[in-house]
PDB file of N, CA and C in Angstrom:
ATOM      1  N   MET A   1     -39.982 -67.744   2.612  1.00  0.00           N
ATOM      2  CA  MET A   1     -40.439 -67.234   1.294  1.00  0.00           C
ATOM      3  C   MET A   1     -38.800 -66.933   0.804  1.00  0.00           C
ATOM      4  N   THR A   2     -38.450 -68.068  -0.307  1.00  0.00           N
ATOM      5  CA  THR A   2     -37.315 -67.933  -0.902  1.00  0.00           C
ATOM      6  C   THR A   2     -37.544 -68.083  -2.212  1.00  0.00           C
ATOM      7  N   CYS A   3     -36.891 -67.885  -3.093  1.00  0.00           N
ATOM      8  CA  CYS A   3     -36.902 -67.883  -4.443  1.00  0.00           C
ATOM      9  C   CYS A   3     -36.709 -69.055  -5.235  1.00  0.00           C
ATOM     10  N   LYS A   4     -37.170 -69.748  -5.906  1.00  0.00           N
ATOM     11  CA  LYS A   4     -37.581 -71.270  -6.248  1.00  0.00           C
ATOM     12  C   LYS A   4     -37.168 -71.006  -7.644  1.00  0.00           C
ATOM     13  N   GLY A   5     -36.869 -69.709  -8.645  1.00  0.00           N
ATOM     14  CA  GLY A   5     -36.437 -70.173  -9.641  1.00  0.00           C
ATOM     15  C   GLY A   5     -37.544 -69.949 -11.088  1.00  0.00           C
ATOM     16  N   ILE A   6     -38.722 -70.210 -10.413  1.00  0.00           N
ATOM     17  CA  ILE A   6     -40.059 -69.815 -11.391  1.00  0.00           C
ATOM     18  C   ILE A   6     -40.234 -68.327 -12.054  1.00  0.00           C
ATOM     19  N   CYS A   7     -39.531 -67.566 -11.386  1.00  0.00           N
ATOM     20  CA  CYS A   7     -39.586 -66.060 -11.704  1.00  0.00           C
ATOM     21  C   CYS A   7     -38.983 -66.169 -13.021  1.00  0.00           C
ATOM     22  N   ILE A   8     -38.115 -66.773 -13.273  1.00  0.00           N
ATOM     23  CA  ILE A   8     -36.949 -66.424 -14.530  1.00  0.00           C
ATOM     24  C   ILE A   8     -37.744 -66.871 -15.759  1.00  0.00           C
ATOM     25  N   ARG A   9     -38.827 -67.388 -15.713  1.00  0.00           N
ATOM     26  CA  ARG A   9     -39.583 -67.702 -16.968  1.00  0.00           C
ATOM     27  C   ARG A   9     -40.723 -66.310 -17.417  1.00  0.00           C
ATOM     28  N   HIS A  10     -40.788 -65.606 -16.154  1.00  0.00           N
ATOM     29  CA  HIS A  10     -41.276 -64.061 -16.379  1.00  0.00           C
ATOM     30  C   HIS A  10     -40.491 -63.093 -16.460  1.00  0.00           C
ATOM     31  N   ARG A  11     -39.080 -63.062 -16.546  1.00  0.00           N
ATOM     32  CA  ARG A  11     -38.639 -62.059 -17.008  1.00  0.00           C
ATOM     33  C   ARG A  11     -38.551 -60.979 -17.540  1.00  0.00           C
ATOM     34  N   ALA A  12     -38.553 -59.742 -17.712  1.00  0.00           N
ATOM     35  CA  ALA A  12     -38.874 -58.894 -18.158  1.00  0.00           C
ATOM     36  C   ALA A  12     -37.439 -58.037 -18.865  1.00  0.00           C
ATOM     37  N   GLN A  13     -37.501 -57.807 -20.226  1.00  0.00           N
ATOM     38  CA  GLN A  13     -36.484 -56.849 -20.893  1.00  0.00           C
ATOM     39  C   GLN A  13     -36.790 -55.425 -20.200  1.00  0.00           C
ATOM     40  N   LYS A  14     -35.388 -54.873 -20.601  1.00  0.00           N
ATOM     41  CA  LYS A  14     -35.760 -53.333 -19.926  1.00  0.00           C
ATOM     42  C   LYS A  14     -36.407 -53.099 -21.309  1.00  0.00           C
ATOM     43  N   PRO A  15     -37.452 -51.929 -21.209  1.00  0.00           N
ATOM     44  CA  PRO A  15     -38.043 -51.109 -22.330  1.00  0.00           C
ATOM     45  C   PRO A  15     -37.169 -49.976 -22.711  1.00  0.00           C
ATOM     46  N   VAL A  16     -36.974 -49.768 -23.994  1.00  0.00           N
ATOM     47  CA  VAL A  16     -36.361 -49.119 -24.423  1.00  0.00           C
ATOM     48  C   VAL A  16     -37.094 -47.177 -24.391  1.00  0.00           C
ATOM     49  N   GLY A  17     -36.819 -46.356 -23.629  1.00  0.00           N
ATOM     50  CA  GLY A  17     -37.281 -44.872 -23.894  1.00  0.00           C
ATOM     51  C   GLY A  17     -38.718 -44.792 -22.991  1.00  0.00           C
ATOM     52  N   SER A  18     -38.900 -45.788 -22.345  1.00  0.00           N
ATOM     53  CA  SER A  18     -39.812 -45.607 -20.830  1.00  0.00           C
ATOM     54  C   SER A  18     -39.185 -46.356 -19.807  1.00  0.00           C
ATOM     55  N   GLY A  19     -40.047 -45.952 -18.914  1.00  0.00           N
ATOM     56  CA  GLY A  19     -39.346 -46.674 -17.653  1.00  0.00           C
ATOM     57  C   GLY A  19     -40.043 -47.901 -17.204  1.00  0.00           C
ATOM     58  N   ARG A  20     -39.740 -48.742 -16.180  1.00  0.00           N
ATOM     59  CA  ARG A  20     -40.387 -50.193 -16.522  1.00  0.00           C
ATOM     60  C   ARG A  20     -41.475 -50.067 -15.800  1.00  0.00           C
ATOM     61  N   TYR A  21     -41.511 -49.292 -14.832  1.00  0.00           N
ATOM     62  CA  TYR A  21     -43.176 -49.343 -13.764  1.00  0.00           C
ATOM     63  C   TYR A  21     -44.182 -48.471 -14.838  1.00  0.00           C
ATOM     64  N   VAL A  22     -43.738 -47.828 -15.942  1.00  0.00           N
ATOM     65  CA  VAL A  22     -44.705 -47.393 -16.726  1.00  0.00           C
ATOM     66  C   VAL A  22     -45.108 -48.421 -18.071  1.00  0.00           C
ATOM     67  N   SER A  23     -44.401 -49.377 -18.167  1.00  0.00           N
ATOM     68  CA  SER A  23     -44.634 -50.358 -19.406  1.00  0.00           C
ATOM     69  C   SER A  23     -45.112 -51.588 -18.843  1.00  0.00           C
ATOM     70  N   GLY A  24     -45.563 -51.600 -17.523  1.00  0.00           N
ATOM     71  CA  GLY A  24     -46.448 -52.402 -16.685  1.00  0.00           C
ATOM     72  C   GLY A  24     -45.403 -53.394 -15.852  1.00  0.00           C
ATOM     73  N   GLN A  25     -44.259 -53.370 -15.916  1.00  0.00           N
ATOM     74  CA  GLN A  25     -43.566 -54.236 -15.358  1.00  0.00           C
ATOM     75  C   GLN A  25     -43.459 -53.994 -13.643  1.00  0.00           C
ATOM     76  N   ARG A  26     -42.814 -55.199 -12.761  1.00  0.00           N
ATOM     77  CA  ARG A  26     -43.282 -55.090 -11.447  1.00  0.00           C
ATOM     78  C   ARG A  26     -41.785 -55.959 -11.278  1.00  0.00           C
ATOM     79  N   ARG A  27     -41.356 -55.430  -9.909  1.00  0.00           N
ATOM     80  CA  ARG A  27     -39.937 -55.815  -9.490  1.00  0.00           C
ATOM     81  C   ARG A  27     -40.487 -56.833  -7.917  1.00  0.00           C
ATOM     82  N   CYS A  28     -39.901 -58.044  -7.876  1.00  0.00           N
ATOM     83  CA  CYS A  28     -39.714 -58.666  -6.813  1.00  0.00           C
ATOM     84  C   CYS A  28     -38.669 -58.544  -5.707  1.00  0.00           C
ATOM     85  N   GLN A  29     -39.040 -57.979  -4.558  1.00  0.00           N
ATOM     86  CA  GLN A  29     -37.497 -57.937  -3.732  1.00  0.00           C
ATOM     87  C   GLN A  29     -36.862 -59.192  -3.174  1.00  0.00           C
ATOM     88  N   ILE A  30     -37.436 -60.016  -3.321  1.00  0.00           N
ATOM     89  CA  ILE A  30     -36.939 -61.397  -2.895  1.00  0.00           C
ATOM     90  C   ILE A  30     -35.982 -62.212  -4.032  1.00  0.00           C
ATOM     91  N   CYS A  31     -36.844 -62.183  -5.289  1.00  0.00           N
ATOM     92  CA  CYS A  31     -36.134 -62.640  -6.248  1.00  0.00           C
ATOM     93  C   CYS A  31     -34.665 -61.760  -6.972  1.00  0.00           C
ATOM     94  N   GLU A  32     -35.235 -60.542  -6.420  1.00  0.00           N
ATOM     95  CA  GLU A  32     -34.288 -59.364  -7.223  1.00  0.00           C
ATOM     96  C   GLU A  32     -34.613 -58.978  -8.826  1.00  0.00           C
ATOM     97  N   ILE A  33     -35.534 -59.315  -9.367  1.00  0.00           N
ATOM     98  CA  ILE A  33     -35.743 -59.334 -10.750  1.00  0.00           C
ATOM     99  C   ILE A  33     -36.980 -58.556 -11.143  1.00  0.00           C
ATOM    100  N   PHE A  34     -36.970 -57.830 -12.235  1.00  0.00           N
ATOM    101  CA  PHE A  34     -38.587 -57.376 -12.846  1.00  0.00           C
ATOM    102  C   PHE A  34     -38.978 -58.391 -13.748  1.00  0.00           C
ATOM    103  N   ILE A  35     -40.394 -58.325 -13.316  1.00  0.00           N
ATOM    104  CA  ILE A  35     -41.026 -59.619 -14.205  1.00  0.00           C
ATOM    105  C   ILE A  35     -42.267 -58.754 -14.901  1.00  0.00           C
ATOM    106  N   ARG A  36     -42.842 -59.430 -15.988  1.00  0.00           N
ATOM    107  CA  ARG A  36     -44.094 -59.305 -16.339  1.00  0.00           C
ATOM    108  C   ARG A  36     -44.909 -59.875 -15.654  1.00  0.00           C
ATOM    109  N   TRP A  37     -45.804 -59.524 -14.809  1.00  0.00           N
ATOM    110  CA  TRP A  37     -47.055 -60.598 -14.195  1.00  0.00           C
ATOM    111  C   TRP A  37     -47.928 -59.368 -13.657  1.00  0.00           C
ATOM    112  N   GLU A  38     -49.269 -59.629 -13.673  1.00  0.00           N
ATOM    113  CA  GLU A  38     -50.497 -59.344 -13.681  1.00  0.00           C
ATOM    114  C   GLU A  38     -50.754 -59.104 -12.360  1.00  0.00           C
ATOM    115  N   GLY A  39     -50.339 -60.591 -11.617  1.00  0.00           N
ATOM    116  CA  GLY A  39     -51.133 -60.340  -9.986  1.00  0.00           C
ATOM    117  C   GLY A  39     -50.311 -59.243  -9.193  1.00  0.00           C
ATOM    118  N   LEU A  40     -50.561 -59.363  -7.804  1.00  0.00           N
ATOM    119  CA  LEU A  40     -50.142 -58.543  -6.803  1.00  0.00           C
ATOM    120  C   LEU A  40     -48.817 -59.404  -5.915  1.00  0.00           C
ATOM    121  N   TRP A  41     -49.024 -60.840  -6.172  1.00  0.00           N
ATOM    122  CA  TRP A  41     -47.758 -61.415  -5.941  1.00  0.00           C
ATOM    123  C   TRP A  41     -46.940 -62.114  -6.459  1.00  0.00           C
ATOM    124  N   CYS A  42     -45.883 -62.210  -6.199  1.00  0.00           N
ATOM    125  CA  CYS A  42     -44.677 -62.761  -7.252  1.00  0.00           C
ATOM    126  C   CYS A  42     -44.941 -64.578  -6.998  1.00  0.00           C
ATOM    127  N   PRO A  43     -45.171 -65.055  -8.529  1.00  0.00           N
ATOM    128  CA  PRO A  43     -45.626 -66.170  -8.678  1.00  0.00           C
ATOM    129  C   PRO A  43     -44.579 -67.318  -7.812  1.00  0.00           C
ATOM    130  N   CYS A  44     -43.327 -66.555  -7.959  1.00  0.00           N
ATOM    131  CA  CYS A  44     -42.154 -67.884  -7.516  1.00  0.00           C
ATOM    132  C   CYS A  44     -41.889 -67.699  -5.504  1.00  0.00           C
ATOM    133  N   CYS A  45     -41.855 -66.881  -5.296  1.00  0.00           N
ATOM    134  CA  CYS A  45     -41.445 -66.680  -3.392  1.00  0.00           C
ATOM    135  C   CYS A  45     -42.848 -66.464  -2.616  1.00  0.00           C
ATOM    136  N   GLY A  46     -44.146 -65.787  -3.693  1.00  0.00           N
ATOM    137  CA  GLY A  46     -45.086 -65.345  -3.114  1.00  0.00           C
ATOM    138  C   GLY A  46     -45.313 -64.029  -2.230  1.00  0.00           C
ATOM    139  N   TYR A  47     -43.867 -63.273  -2.394  1.00  0.00           N
ATOM    140  CA  TYR A  47     -43.856 -61.855  -1.878  1.00  0.00           C
ATOM    141  C   TYR A  47     -44.512 -60.852  -2.575  1.00  0.00           C
ATOM    142  N   ARG A  48     -45.107 -59.800  -2.080  1.00  0.00           N
ATOM    143  CA  ARG A  48     -45.499 -58.838  -2.936  1.00  0.00           C
ATOM    144  C   ARG A  48     -44.540 -58.065  -3.594  1.00  0.00           C
ATOM    145  N   LEU A  49     -45.342 -57.961  -4.902  1.00  0.00           N
ATOM    146  CA  LEU A  49     -44.486 -57.220  -5.993  1.00  0.00           C
ATOM    147  C   LEU A  49     -44.381 -55.593  -5.698  1.00  0.00           C
ATOM    148  N   ARG A  50     -43.558 -55.301  -6.039  1.00  0.00           N
ATOM    149  CA  ARG A  50     -43.408 -53.317  -6.077  1.00  0.00           C
ATOM    150  C   ARG A  50     -43.691 -52.789  -7.407  1.00  0.00           C
ATOM    151  N   THR A  51     -44.981 -52.253  -7.116  1.00  0.00           N
ATOM    152  CA  THR A  51     -45.585 -51.530  -8.832  1.00  0.00           C
ATOM    153  C   THR A  51     -45.084 -50.131  -8.890  1.00  0.00           C
ATOM    154  N   LYS A  52     -44.342 -49.464  -7.663  1.00  0.00           N
ATOM    155  CA  LYS A  52     -44.199 -48.032  -8.095  1.00  0.00           C
ATOM    156  C   LYS A  52     -42.721 -47.864  -7.737  1.00  0.00           C
ATOM    157  N   PRO A  53     -41.683 -46.940  -8.333  1.00  0.00           N
ATOM    158  CA  PRO A  53     -40.511 -46.797  -7.561  1.00  0.00           C
ATOM    159  C   PRO A  53     -39.998 -46.365  -6.031  1.00  0.00           C
ATOM    160  N   ARG A  54     -39.328 -46.425  -5.591  1.00  0.00           N
ATOM    161  CA  ARG A  54     -39.017 -45.879  -4.488  1.00  0.00           C
ATOM    162  C   ARG A  54     -38.106 -44.751  -4.325  1.00  0.00           C
ATOM    163  N   ASN A  55     -37.649 -44.460  -5.452  1.00  0.00           N
ATOM    164  CA  ASN A  55     -36.934 -43.553  -5.466  1.00  0.00           C
ATOM    165  C   ASN A  55     -37.523 -42.139  -5.661  1.00  0.00           C
ATOM    166  N   LEU A  56     -37.234 -41.203  -5.086  1.00  0.00           N
ATOM    167  CA  LEU A  56     -37.953 -39.574  -5.066  1.00  0.00           C
ATOM    168  C   LEU A  56     -37.779 -39.472  -6.810  1.00  0.00           C
ATOM    169  N   LYS A  57     -36.658 -39.520  -7.290  1.00  0.00           N
ATOM    170  CA  LYS A  57     -36.383 -38.675  -8.946  1.00  0.00           C
ATOM    171  C   LYS A  57     -37.312 -39.648  -9.840  1.00  0.00           C
ATOM    172  N   TYR A  58     -37.422 -40.817  -9.626  1.00  0.00           N
ATOM    173  CA  TYR A  58     -38.319 -41.689 -10.373  1.00  0.00           C
ATOM    174  C   TYR A  58     -39.689 -41.865 -10.092  1.00  0.00           C
ATOM    175  N   LYS A  59     -39.996 -41.647  -9.022  1.00  0.00           N
ATOM    176  CA  LYS A  59     -41.463 -41.241  -8.615  1.00  0.00           C
ATOM    177  C   LYS A  59     -42.045 -40.025  -9.149  1.00  0.00           C
ATOM    178  N   ALA A  60     -41.361 -38.886  -9.272  1.00  0.00           N
ATOM    179  CA  ALA A  60     -41.472 -37.943 -10.218  1.00  0.00           C
ATOM    180  C   ALA A  60     -41.932 -38.011 -11.580  1.00  0.00           C
ATOM    181  N   LYS A  61     -40.959 -38.497 -11.954  1.00  0.00           N
ATOM    182  CA  LYS A  61     -40.993 -38.938 -13.502  1.00  0.00           C
ATOM    183  C   LYS A  61     -42.472 -39.794 -13.766  1.00  0.00           C
ATOM    184  N   LEU A  62     -42.193 -40.974 -12.738  1.00  0.00           N
ATOM    185  CA  LEU A  62     -43.550 -41.665 -13.254  1.00  0.00           C
ATOM    186  C   LEU A  62     -44.960 -40.867 -13.290  1.00  0.00           C
ATOM    187  N   ARG A  63     -44.977 -39.793 -12.098  1.00  0.00           N
ATOM    188  CA  ARG A  63     -46.323 -39.114 -12.075  1.00  0.00           C
ATOM    189  C   ARG A  63     -46.612 -38.211 -12.992  1.00  0.00           C
ATOM    190  N   ALA A  64     -45.475 -37.579 -13.368  1.00  0.00           N
ATOM    191  CA  ALA A  64     -45.317 -36.572 -14.837  1.00  0.00           C
ATOM    192  C   ALA A  64     -45.897 -37.662 -16.062  1.00  0.00           C
ATOM    193  N   ARG A  65     -45.633 -38.744 -15.872  1.00  0.00           N
ATOM    194  CA  ARG A  65     -45.692 -39.292 -17.448  1.00  0.00           C
ATOM    195  C   ARG A  65     -47.049 -39.502 -17.272  1.00  0.00           C
ATOM    196  N   SER A  66     -47.522 -40.239 -16.312  1.00  0.00           N
ATOM    197  CA  SER A  66     -48.713 -40.613 -16.526  1.00  0.00           C
ATOM    198  C   SER A  66     -50.068 -39.812 -16.456  1.00  0.00           C
ATOM    199  N   LYS A  67     -49.558 -38.330 -15.974  1.00  0.00           N
ATOM    200  CA  LYS A  67     -50.504 -37.283 -15.896  1.00  0.00           C
ATOM    201  C   LYS A  67     -50.409 -36.645 -17.593  1.00  0.00           C
ATOM    202  N   ARG A  68     -49.235 -36.714 -18.431  1.00  0.00           N
ATOM    203  CA  ARG A  68     -49.283 -36.122 -19.646  1.00  0.00           C
ATOM    204  C   ARG A  68     -50.276 -37.650 -20.232  1.00  0.00           C
ATOM    205  N   LEU A  69     -50.341 -38.913 -20.000  1.00  0.00           N
ATOM    206  CA  LEU A  69     -51.117 -39.899 -20.640  1.00  0.00           C
ATOM    207  C   LEU A  69     -52.859 -39.631 -20.423  1.00  0.00           C
ATOM    208  N   GLU A  70     -53.117 -38.924 -19.249  1.00  0.00           N
ATOM    209  CA  GLU A  70     -54.265 -38.767 -18.904  1.00  0.00           C
ATOM    210  C   GLU A  70     -54.866 -37.750 -19.605  1.00  0.00           C
ATOM    211  N   ILE A  71     -53.914 -36.238 -19.848  1.00  0.00           N
ATOM    212  CA  ILE A  71     -54.151 -35.251 -20.801  1.00  0.00           C
ATOM    213  C   ILE A  71     -54.555 -35.855 -22.208  1.00  0.00           C
ATOM    214  N   THR A  72     -53.699 -36.579 -22.623  1.00  0.00           N
ATOM    215  CA  THR A  72     -53.768 -37.083 -24.205  1.00  0.00           C
ATOM    216  C   THR A  72     -54.806 -37.785 -24.225  1.00  0.00           C
ATOM    217  N   GLN A  73     -55.189 -38.846 -23.435  1.00  0.00           N
ATOM    218  CA  GLN A  73     -56.424 -39.738 -23.593  1.00  0.00           C
ATOM    219  C   GLN A  73     -58.014 -39.126 -23.003  1.00  0.00           C
ATOM    220  N   PRO A  74     -58.536 -38.813 -23.817  1.00  0.00           N
ATOM    221  CA  PRO A  74     -60.111 -38.171 -23.648  1.00  0.00           C
ATOM    222  C   PRO A  74     -60.573 -39.188 -22.549  1.00  0.00           C
ATOM    223  N   ALA A  75     -61.597 -38.804 -21.666  1.00  0.00           N
ATOM    224  CA  ALA A  75     -62.194 -39.830 -21.030  1.00  0.00           C
ATOM    225  C   ALA A  75     -63.481 -40.448 -21.337  1.00  0.00           C
ATOM    226  N   ILE A  76     -63.677 -41.532 -21.322  1.00  0.00           N
ATOM    227  CA  ILE A  76     -64.881 -42.355 -22.097  1.00  0.00           C
ATOM    228  C   ILE A  76     -66.125 -42.310 -21.033  1.00  0.00           C
ATOM    229  N   THR A  77     -67.244 -41.400 -21.404  1.00  0.00           N
ATOM    230  CA  THR A  77     -68.522 -41.556 -20.857  1.00  0.00           C
ATOM    231  C   THR A  77     -69.504 -42.398 -21.372  1.00  0.00           C
ATOM    232  N   VAL A  78     -70.166 -43.046 -20.314  1.00  0.00           N
ATOM    233  CA  VAL A  78     -71.345 -44.144 -20.515  1.00  0.00           C
ATOM    234  C   VAL A  78     -72.492 -43.756 -20.208  1.00  0.00           C
ATOM    235  N   ARG A  79     -73.447 -43.616 -21.198  1.00  0.00           N
ATOM    236  CA  ARG A  79     -74.965 -43.034 -21.360  1.00  0.00           C
ATOM    237  C   ARG A  79     -75.732 -44.188 -21.191  1.00  0.00           C
TER     238      ARG A  79
END
């Protein structure tokens, strides 16, 4: 499992005003890069992508932001 350079095509720019994980970016620990990828595994090395921050401070920020989004968006009910 080594970086093959494919991930460079999927490199994500840092979002302004919000966090990387909130905006849907994921991090590969092997390639050491944030990428825009919908899958669970890195397209380059095949390693599992990190979808949540490890730092306690940023975890709390992510939880608070996602709770705010839940409150502002009403639930859709299907009848």
